[in-house]
Amino acid sequence: MVTTIGDLVPNISTSQLANWGVMFGVAMLVAIGGGILFYWIMTQRKFNNGVVVWKKVGGEVKQVFKGIAATERLGDAGDYCFIIKGLNKVLPKPHIQVGAGRGLFGARPIYWFFERADGEWINIGMEDIDERQKSAKAYYVDEDMRLQRLGIQKNLRDRFQQLGFWQKYGTMIVMLVFVLVITVCLVIMFKEMNGNWAAAQDAAAAFEKMANSISRLATCSGGGIG
C-alpha cells in the first residue's frame, strides 16, 4: 500500500478553517486590547503627578501646558528626577505642591511651574492674596463693583427667575379661601345656635304650661276630696 502526502494531511473543511481564523482574530484583538490596557494602567501608575505650566504670553500670564509627570530615583543617594510625559523634559523633583487631583490610584499631587523668559522652569505656588493686599493697604470692598453686582443680580432675577401666578399669589389665595371657609362655618354655627335657642324656648314654655296644668289638676282634686 503506497502512502501519499495527501493521505498524511488531515481532512479539514473550509468552514473549520474559517472558524479557526475567526477565533485567532478574536484572540489577537483580546491580546492587543489587554496589552494596551496594561500599558495604560502602568503609565497611570508611573506618571502619578499633575503638572501645570504657566508662561507670560502677550503681556499676560497664561496656562500653556497641563499634563502628568513621573518621579524616578537616581542612584542610591536619595536623589530624584521629575520626568514630564509628552515633553521629554527632565527636572529636579519639585517641592511646592499647590493641590491634589484625582488619579487612577488615589490622590495625584499637582505642581505648578512658571517658564521664565530664558526658558527655565521654576516650581511656584499660589501667593497669599490677603497678605499682599494688607501689605499694599488695599481696600477690600469696591462700592461700585458691589452696586454693579446687585444690579446684575436684580436683572437676572427679573429676566430669568420670574415667579409664576401661584408662586406670587398662592399664599394670599389660600388665606382668603381659609378665611371664607371659617366665615361660612361660623354663620352656619350661629344659625344652628339660634334655631336651637328658639327650640329651647318653646320647650321651656311647654314645660311651664304642663306644670301649670298639673298644678291646677292637683288643686281641683284636693278640693273634691275635702
Foldseek 3Di string as FASTA:
>chain_A
DDDDPVNVDDDDDPVNVVVVVVVVVVVVVVVVVVVVVVVVVVVLVFFQAKEWEWEQDPNRIDTDDIFTWGWDDDPDPRFIWIATPPPRDIHGDDDDFADWDQGPVGTGTYWYWYQDPVRDTDTDYDDDPVVVCVVVVHDDDDVVVVVVVVVVVVVCCVPPVDDDPCRVCVVVVVVVVVVVVVVVVVVVVVVVVVVVVVVVVVVVVVVVVVVVVVVVVVVVVVVVVD
